[in-house]
Amino acid sequence: MAEPVRLPQPAPGPRRGLRRPEAAQYIGVSPTKFDELVSDGRMPKPFKLDGCTIWDIRDLDAAFDALKDDAGRNEWDEDNVAA
């Protein structure tokens, strides 16, 4: 009897909810630094889902974008470089 044809499984899509280590990794910092960012309000607070502490990836994206906006312009920005 012939073996059944196995089709490749699609890669799972990105998850919307992340736990603390995953959320920290997602924005590129250590879990300790992530805790600091949450404590001082630069990153969003998590919510509980059946006892699991979860960060919404969309909230992380919005907070991360706001960090870039708060950083302001610097001497390397194109508009500030003298021609």
PDB file of N, CA and C in Angstrom:
ATOM      1  N   MET A   1       0.840  -1.181   0.000  1.00  0.00           N
ATOM      2  CA  MET A   1       0.000   0.000   0.000  1.00  0.00           C
ATOM      3  C   MET A   1       0.888   1.249   0.000  1.00  0.00           C
ATOM      4  N   ALA A   2       0.528   2.231  -0.791  1.00  0.00           N
ATOM      5  CA  ALA A   2       1.333   3.447  -0.933  1.00  0.00           C
ATOM      6  C   ALA A   2       1.191   4.335   0.303  1.00  0.00           C
ATOM      7  N   GLU A   3       2.285   5.028   0.614  1.00  0.00           N
ATOM      8  CA  GLU A   3       2.275   5.990   1.716  1.00  0.00           C
ATOM      9  C   GLU A   3       1.383   7.166   1.344  1.00  0.00           C
ATOM     10  N   PRO A   4       0.614   7.690   2.297  1.00  0.00           N
ATOM     11  CA  PRO A   4      -0.192   8.874   1.987  1.00  0.00           C
ATOM     12  C   PRO A   4       0.714  10.077   1.734  1.00  0.00           C
ATOM     13  N   VAL A   5       0.279  10.921   0.847  1.00  0.00           N
ATOM     14  CA  VAL A   5       1.031  12.137   0.541  1.00  0.00           C
ATOM     15  C   VAL A   5       0.831  13.114   1.694  1.00  0.00           C
ATOM     16  N   ARG A   6       1.938  13.603   2.229  1.00  0.00           N
ATOM     17  CA  ARG A   6       1.871  14.573   3.329  1.00  0.00           C
ATOM     18  C   ARG A   6       2.215  15.957   2.792  1.00  0.00           C
ATOM     19  N   LEU A   7       1.263  16.831   2.920  1.00  0.00           N
ATOM     20  CA  LEU A   7       1.488  18.208   2.492  1.00  0.00           C
ATOM     21  C   LEU A   7       2.187  18.970   3.609  1.00  0.00           C
ATOM     22  N   PRO A   8       3.055  19.908   3.255  1.00  0.00           N
ATOM     23  CA  PRO A   8       3.717  20.695   4.305  1.00  0.00           C
ATOM     24  C   PRO A   8       2.687  21.516   5.076  1.00  0.00           C
ATOM     25  N   GLN A   9       2.892  21.591   6.367  1.00  0.00           N
ATOM     26  CA  GLN A   9       2.005  22.378   7.219  1.00  0.00           C
ATOM     27  C   GLN A   9       2.426  23.841   7.164  1.00  0.00           C
ATOM     28  N   PRO A  10       1.463  24.734   7.016  1.00  0.00           N
ATOM     29  CA  PRO A  10       1.837  26.154   7.016  1.00  0.00           C
ATOM     30  C   PRO A  10       2.391  26.554   8.377  1.00  0.00           C
ATOM     31  N   ALA A  11       3.303  27.493   8.344  1.00  0.00           N
ATOM     32  CA  ALA A  11       3.876  28.000   9.600  1.00  0.00           C
ATOM     33  C   ALA A  11       2.777  28.704  10.386  1.00  0.00           C
ATOM     34  N   PRO A  12       2.775  28.542  11.697  1.00  0.00           N
ATOM     35  CA  PRO A  12       1.755  29.229  12.484  1.00  0.00           C
ATOM     36  C   PRO A  12       1.921  30.737  12.373  1.00  0.00           C
ATOM     37  N   GLY A  13       0.809  31.433  12.370  1.00  0.00           N
ATOM     38  CA  GLY A  13       0.842  32.888  12.291  1.00  0.00           C
ATOM     39  C   GLY A  13       1.323  33.482  13.601  1.00  0.00           C
ATOM     40  N   PRO A  14       1.610  34.753  13.593  1.00  0.00           N
ATOM     41  CA  PRO A  14       2.072  35.397  14.825  1.00  0.00           C
ATOM     42  C   PRO A  14       0.968  35.357  15.881  1.00  0.00           C
ATOM     43  N   ARG A  15       1.385  35.175  17.105  1.00  0.00           N
ATOM     44  CA  ARG A  15       0.421  35.158  18.200  1.00  0.00           C
ATOM     45  C   ARG A  15       0.116  36.578  18.618  1.00  0.00           C
ATOM     46  N   ARG A  16      -1.086  36.789  19.067  1.00  0.00           N
ATOM     47  CA  ARG A  16      -1.476  38.117  19.508  1.00  0.00           C
ATOM     48  C   ARG A  16      -1.091  38.360  20.956  1.00  0.00           C
ATOM     49  N   GLY A  17      -1.150  37.323  21.787  1.00  0.00           N
ATOM     50  CA  GLY A  17      -0.815  37.466  23.197  1.00  0.00           C
ATOM     51  C   GLY A  17       0.553  36.892  23.501  1.00  0.00           C
ATOM     52  N   LEU A  18       1.345  37.653  24.257  1.00  0.00           N
ATOM     53  CA  LEU A  18       2.694  37.211  24.612  1.00  0.00           C
ATOM     54  C   LEU A  18       2.858  37.215  26.122  1.00  0.00           C
ATOM     55  N   ARG A  19       3.577  36.241  26.619  1.00  0.00           N
ATOM     56  CA  ARG A  19       3.947  36.234  28.033  1.00  0.00           C
ATOM     57  C   ARG A  19       5.172  37.126  28.218  1.00  0.00           C
ATOM     58  N   ARG A  20       5.541  37.363  29.463  1.00  0.00           N
ATOM     59  CA  ARG A  20       6.596  38.332  29.795  1.00  0.00           C
ATOM     60  C   ARG A  20       7.901  38.113  29.034  1.00  0.00           C
ATOM     61  N   PRO A  21       8.502  36.912  29.045  1.00  0.00           N
ATOM     62  CA  PRO A  21       9.782  36.750  28.335  1.00  0.00           C
ATOM     63  C   PRO A  21       9.640  36.977  26.828  1.00  0.00           C
ATOM     64  N   GLU A  22       8.496  36.554  26.284  1.00  0.00           N
ATOM     65  CA  GLU A  22       8.263  36.739  24.849  1.00  0.00           C
ATOM     66  C   GLU A  22       8.048  38.211  24.514  1.00  0.00           C
ATOM     67  N   ALA A  23       7.322  38.915  25.373  1.00  0.00           N
ATOM     68  CA  ALA A  23       7.078  40.342  25.152  1.00  0.00           C
ATOM     69  C   ALA A  23       8.391  41.117  25.209  1.00  0.00           C
ATOM     70  N   ALA A  24       9.235  40.775  26.172  1.00  0.00           N
ATOM     71  CA  ALA A  24      10.543  41.430  26.280  1.00  0.00           C
ATOM     72  C   ALA A  24      11.379  41.157  25.038  1.00  0.00           C
ATOM     73  N   GLN A  25      11.408  39.910  24.613  1.00  0.00           N
ATOM     74  CA  GLN A  25      12.180  39.550  23.420  1.00  0.00           C
ATOM     75  C   GLN A  25      11.622  40.252  22.187  1.00  0.00           C
ATOM     76  N   TYR A  26      10.306  40.369  22.110  1.00  0.00           N
ATOM     77  CA  TYR A  26       9.654  41.001  20.963  1.00  0.00           C
ATOM     78  C   TYR A  26      10.132  42.440  20.768  1.00  0.00           C
ATOM     79  N   ILE A  27      10.300  43.171  21.881  1.00  0.00           N
ATOM     80  CA  ILE A  27      10.763  44.555  21.728  1.00  0.00           C
ATOM     81  C   ILE A  27      12.280  44.682  21.831  1.00  0.00           C
ATOM     82  N   GLY A  28      12.957  43.564  22.100  1.00  0.00           N
ATOM     83  CA  GLY A  28      14.419  43.562  22.041  1.00  0.00           C
ATOM     84  C   GLY A  28      15.145  43.925  23.319  1.00  0.00           C
ATOM     85  N   VAL A  29      14.513  43.664  24.464  1.00  0.00           N
ATOM     86  CA  VAL A  29      15.160  43.969  25.741  1.00  0.00           C
ATOM     87  C   VAL A  29      15.098  42.743  26.651  1.00  0.00           C
ATOM     88  N   SER A  30      15.830  42.803  27.755  1.00  0.00           N
ATOM     89  CA  SER A  30      15.790  41.717  28.736  1.00  0.00           C
ATOM     90  C   SER A  30      14.463  41.777  29.499  1.00  0.00           C
ATOM     91  N   PRO A  31      14.052  40.663  30.092  1.00  0.00           N
ATOM     92  CA  PRO A  31      12.840  40.700  30.917  1.00  0.00           C
ATOM     93  C   PRO A  31      12.917  41.720  32.052  1.00  0.00           C
ATOM     94  N   THR A  32      14.092  41.902  32.638  1.00  0.00           N
ATOM     95  CA  THR A  32      14.251  42.884  33.715  1.00  0.00           C
ATOM     96  C   THR A  32      14.028  44.304  33.195  1.00  0.00           C
ATOM     97  N   LYS A  33      14.607  44.625  32.053  1.00  0.00           N
ATOM     98  CA  LYS A  33      14.408  45.948  31.450  1.00  0.00           C
ATOM     99  C   LYS A  33      12.947  46.128  31.054  1.00  0.00           C
ATOM    100  N   PHE A  34      12.336  45.065  30.555  1.00  0.00           N
ATOM    101  CA  PHE A  34      10.924  45.125  30.183  1.00  0.00           C
ATOM    102  C   PHE A  34      10.071  45.466  31.403  1.00  0.00           C
ATOM    103  N   ASP A  35      10.371  44.834  32.545  1.00  0.00           N
ATOM    104  CA  ASP A  35       9.645  45.136  33.785  1.00  0.00           C
ATOM    105  C   ASP A  35       9.765  46.616  34.138  1.00  0.00           C
ATOM    106  N   GLU A  36      10.956  47.165  33.961  1.00  0.00           N
ATOM    107  CA  GLU A  36      11.189  48.591  34.236  1.00  0.00           C
ATOM    108  C   GLU A  36      10.336  49.459  33.311  1.00  0.00           C
ATOM    109  N   LEU A  37      10.285  49.096  32.043  1.00  0.00           N
ATOM    110  CA  LEU A  37       9.496  49.862  31.075  1.00  0.00           C
ATOM    111  C   LEU A  37       8.004  49.798  31.388  1.00  0.00           C
ATOM    112  N   VAL A  38       7.540  48.647  31.866  1.00  0.00           N
ATOM    113  CA  VAL A  38       6.133  48.513  32.258  1.00  0.00           C
ATOM    114  C   VAL A  38       5.874  49.344  33.512  1.00  0.00           C
ATOM    115  N   SER A  39       6.782  49.274  34.476  1.00  0.00           N
ATOM    116  CA  SER A  39       6.615  50.007  35.742  1.00  0.00           C
ATOM    117  C   SER A  39       6.553  51.508  35.535  1.00  0.00           C
ATOM    118  N   ASP A  40       7.391  52.025  34.617  1.00  0.00           N
ATOM    119  CA  ASP A  40       7.397  53.482  34.420  1.00  0.00           C
ATOM    120  C   ASP A  40       6.407  53.948  33.350  1.00  0.00           C
ATOM    121  N   GLY A  41       5.621  53.016  32.806  1.00  0.00           N
ATOM    122  CA  GLY A  41       4.558  53.388  31.886  1.00  0.00           C
ATOM    123  C   GLY A  41       4.949  53.469  30.426  1.00  0.00           C
ATOM    124  N   ARG A  42       6.220  53.186  30.112  1.00  0.00           N
ATOM    125  CA  ARG A  42       6.622  53.248  28.703  1.00  0.00           C
ATOM    126  C   ARG A  42       6.137  52.040  27.912  1.00  0.00           C
ATOM    127  N   MET A  43       5.868  50.943  28.593  1.00  0.00           N
ATOM    128  CA  MET A  43       5.261  49.758  27.992  1.00  0.00           C
ATOM    129  C   MET A  43       3.927  49.521  28.685  1.00  0.00           C
ATOM    130  N   PRO A  44       2.969  48.908  27.988  1.00  0.00           N
ATOM    131  CA  PRO A  44       1.638  48.720  28.574  1.00  0.00           C
ATOM    132  C   PRO A  44       1.630  47.690  29.697  1.00  0.00           C
ATOM    133  N   LYS A  45       0.631  47.802  30.540  1.00  0.00           N
ATOM    134  CA  LYS A  45       0.419  46.807  31.587  1.00  0.00           C
ATOM    135  C   LYS A  45      -0.214  45.573  30.938  1.00  0.00           C
ATOM    136  N   PRO A  46       0.033  44.410  31.510  1.00  0.00           N
ATOM    137  CA  PRO A  46      -0.567  43.185  30.977  1.00  0.00           C
ATOM    138  C   PRO A  46      -2.010  43.035  31.459  1.00  0.00           C
ATOM    139  N   PHE A  47      -2.664  42.001  30.955  1.00  0.00           N
ATOM    140  CA  PHE A  47      -3.966  41.625  31.481  1.00  0.00           C
ATOM    141  C   PHE A  47      -3.927  40.138  31.806  1.00  0.00           C
ATOM    142  N   LYS A  48      -4.881  39.699  32.604  1.00  0.00           N
ATOM    143  CA  LYS A  48      -4.955  38.291  33.007  1.00  0.00           C
ATOM    144  C   LYS A  48      -5.957  37.575  32.108  1.00  0.00           C
ATOM    145  N   LEU A  49      -5.570  36.415  31.646  1.00  0.00           N
ATOM    146  CA  LEU A  49      -6.445  35.559  30.858  1.00  0.00           C
ATOM    147  C   LEU A  49      -6.391  34.176  31.491  1.00  0.00           C
ATOM    148  N   ASP A  50      -7.430  33.839  32.232  1.00  0.00           N
ATOM    149  CA  ASP A  50      -7.483  32.564  32.958  1.00  0.00           C
ATOM    150  C   ASP A  50      -6.226  32.336  33.794  1.00  0.00           C
ATOM    151  N   GLY A  51      -5.779  33.368  34.474  1.00  0.00           N
ATOM    152  CA  GLY A  51      -4.625  33.245  35.352  1.00  0.00           C
ATOM    153  C   GLY A  51      -3.283  33.477  34.681  1.00  0.00           C
ATOM    154  N   CYS A  52      -3.261  33.591  33.358  1.00  0.00           N
ATOM    155  CA  CYS A  52      -2.008  33.854  32.627  1.00  0.00           C
ATOM    156  C   CYS A  52      -1.855  35.357  32.429  1.00  0.00           C
ATOM    157  N   THR A  53      -0.672  35.866  32.682  1.00  0.00           N
ATOM    158  CA  THR A  53      -0.374  37.278  32.458  1.00  0.00           C
ATOM    159  C   THR A  53       0.060  37.435  31.008  1.00  0.00           C
ATOM    160  N   ILE A  54      -0.686  38.257  30.266  1.00  0.00           N
ATOM    161  CA  ILE A  54      -0.516  38.371  28.812  1.00  0.00           C
ATOM    162  C   ILE A  54      -0.389  39.835  28.402  1.00  0.00           C
ATOM    163  N   TRP A  55       0.503  40.093  27.443  1.00  0.00           N
ATOM    164  CA  TRP A  55       0.591  41.401  26.792  1.00  0.00           C
ATOM    165  C   TRP A  55       0.046  41.266  25.382  1.00  0.00           C
ATOM    166  N   ASP A  56      -0.777  42.214  24.986  1.00  0.00           N
ATOM    167  CA  ASP A  56      -1.326  42.248  23.634  1.00  0.00           C
ATOM    168  C   ASP A  56      -0.253  42.819  22.708  1.00  0.00           C
ATOM    169  N   ILE A  57       0.070  42.085  21.662  1.00  0.00           N
ATOM    170  CA  ILE A  57       1.145  42.492  20.755  1.00  0.00           C
ATOM    171  C   ILE A  57       0.847  43.848  20.104  1.00  0.00           C
ATOM    172  N   ARG A  58      -0.436  44.148  19.900  1.00  0.00           N
ATOM    173  CA  ARG A  58      -0.792  45.446  19.299  1.00  0.00           C
ATOM    174  C   ARG A  58      -0.487  46.590  20.265  1.00  0.00           C
ATOM    175  N   ASP A  59      -0.718  46.350  21.560  1.00  0.00           N
ATOM    176  CA  ASP A  59      -0.380  47.367  22.567  1.00  0.00           C
ATOM    177  C   ASP A  59       1.130  47.577  22.637  1.00  0.00           C
ATOM    178  N   LEU A  60       1.883  46.470  22.526  1.00  0.00           N
ATOM    179  CA  LEU A  60       3.346  46.581  22.524  1.00  0.00           C
ATOM    180  C   LEU A  60       3.821  47.386  21.318  1.00  0.00           C
ATOM    181  N   ASP A  61       3.232  47.123  20.158  1.00  0.00           N
ATOM    182  CA  ASP A  61       3.606  47.866  18.953  1.00  0.00           C
ATOM    183  C   ASP A  61       3.344  49.361  19.124  1.00  0.00           C
ATOM    184  N   ALA A  62       2.174  49.703  19.645  1.00  0.00           N
ATOM    185  CA  ALA A  62       1.828  51.118  19.835  1.00  0.00           C
ATOM    186  C   ALA A  62       2.778  51.790  20.823  1.00  0.00           C
ATOM    187  N   ALA A  63       3.087  51.102  21.917  1.00  0.00           N
ATOM    188  CA  ALA A  63       3.998  51.671  22.916  1.00  0.00           C
ATOM    189  C   ALA A  63       5.402  51.820  22.345  1.00  0.00           C
ATOM    190  N   PHE A  64       5.845  50.847  21.572  1.00  0.00           N
ATOM    191  CA  PHE A  64       7.180  50.912  20.977  1.00  0.00           C
ATOM    192  C   PHE A  64       7.259  52.065  19.978  1.00  0.00           C
ATOM    193  N   ASP A  65       6.207  52.239  19.176  1.00  0.00           N
ATOM    194  CA  ASP A  65       6.168  53.370  18.244  1.00  0.00           C
ATOM    195  C   ASP A  65       6.225  54.698  18.997  1.00  0.00           C
ATOM    196  N   ALA A  66       5.544  54.772  20.134  1.00  0.00           N
ATOM    197  CA  ALA A  66       5.560  55.996  20.941  1.00  0.00           C
ATOM    198  C   ALA A  66       6.953  56.269  21.497  1.00  0.00           C
ATOM    199  N   LEU A  67       7.702  55.218  21.824  1.00  0.00           N
ATOM    200  CA  LEU A  67       9.077  55.417  22.301  1.00  0.00           C
ATOM    201  C   LEU A  67       9.915  56.103  21.234  1.00  0.00           C
ATOM    202  N   LYS A  68       9.726  55.696  19.992  1.00  0.00           N
ATOM    203  CA  LYS A  68      10.481  56.319  18.895  1.00  0.00           C
ATOM    204  C   LYS A  68      10.078  57.773  18.734  1.00  0.00           C
ATOM    205  N   ASP A  69       8.790  58.055  18.871  1.00  0.00           N
ATOM    206  CA  ASP A  69       8.313  59.432  18.753  1.00  0.00           C
ATOM    207  C   ASP A  69       8.852  60.299  19.884  1.00  0.00           C
ATOM    208  N   ASP A  70       8.911  59.742  21.093  1.00  0.00           N
ATOM    209  CA  ASP A  70       9.399  60.489  22.258  1.00  0.00           C
ATOM    210  C   ASP A  70      10.894  60.758  22.188  1.00  0.00           C
ATOM    211  N   ALA A  71      11.618  59.929  21.454  1.00  0.00           N
ATOM    212  CA  ALA A  71      13.074  60.084  21.382  1.00  0.00           C
ATOM    213  C   ALA A  71      13.460  61.378  20.675  1.00  0.00           C
ATOM    214  N   GLY A  72      12.578  61.872  19.822  1.00  0.00           N
ATOM    215  CA  GLY A  72      12.858  63.120  19.118  1.00  0.00           C
ATOM    216  C   GLY A  72      13.921  62.963  18.053  1.00  0.00           C
ATOM    217  N   ARG A  73      14.262  64.053  17.457  1.00  0.00           N
ATOM    218  CA  ARG A  73      15.257  64.049  16.390  1.00  0.00           C
ATOM    219  C   ARG A  73      16.651  64.152  17.000  1.00  0.00           C
ATOM    220  N   ASN A  74      17.631  63.721  16.241  1.00  0.00           N
ATOM    221  CA  ASN A  74      19.007  63.834  16.715  1.00  0.00           C
ATOM    222  C   ASN A  74      19.886  64.364  15.594  1.00  0.00           C
ATOM    223  N   GLU A  75      21.154  64.541  15.888  1.00  0.00           N
ATOM    224  CA  GLU A  75      22.068  65.148  14.921  1.00  0.00           C
ATOM    225  C   GLU A  75      22.220  64.333  13.651  1.00  0.00           C
ATOM    226  N   TRP A  76      21.844  63.066  13.674  1.00  0.00           N
ATOM    227  CA  TRP A  76      22.006  62.225  12.491  1.00  0.00           C
ATOM    228  C   TRP A  76      20.781  62.245  11.587  1.00  0.00           C
ATOM    229  N   ASP A  77      19.699  62.872  12.014  1.00  0.00           N
ATOM    230  CA  ASP A  77      18.525  62.969  11.159  1.00  0.00           C
ATOM    231  C   ASP A  77      18.857  63.812   9.936  1.00  0.00           C
ATOM    232  N   GLU A  78      18.324  63.410   8.795  1.00  0.00           N
ATOM    233  CA  GLU A  78      18.616  64.087   7.523  1.00  0.00           C
ATOM    234  C   GLU A  78      18.327  65.580   7.570  1.00  0.00           C
ATOM    235  N   ASP A  79      17.198  65.940   8.165  1.00  0.00           N
ATOM    236  CA  ASP A  79      16.795  67.345   8.175  1.00  0.00           C
ATOM    237  C   ASP A  79      17.744  68.224   8.982  1.00  0.00           C
ATOM    238  N   ASN A  80      18.490  67.617   9.888  1.00  0.00           N
ATOM    239  CA  ASN A  80      19.366  68.404  10.753  1.00  0.00           C
ATOM    240  C   ASN A  80      20.808  68.468  10.265  1.00  0.00           C
ATOM    241  N   VAL A  81      21.130  67.719   9.228  1.00  0.00           N
ATOM    242  CA  VAL A  81      22.503  67.692   8.727  1.00  0.00           C
ATOM    243  C   VAL A  81      22.687  68.850   7.747  1.00  0.00           C
ATOM    244  N   ALA A  82      23.709  69.664   7.981  1.00  0.00           N
ATOM    245  CA  ALA A  82      23.981  70.795   7.082  1.00  0.00           C
ATOM    246  C   ALA A  82      24.500  70.269   5.757  1.00  0.00           C
ATOM    247  N   ALA A  83      24.010  70.835   4.681  1.00  0.00           N
ATOM    248  CA  ALA A  83      24.429  70.387   3.343  1.00  0.00           C
ATOM    249  C   ALA A  83      25.692  71.087   2.919  1.00  0.00           C
TER     250      ALA A  83
END
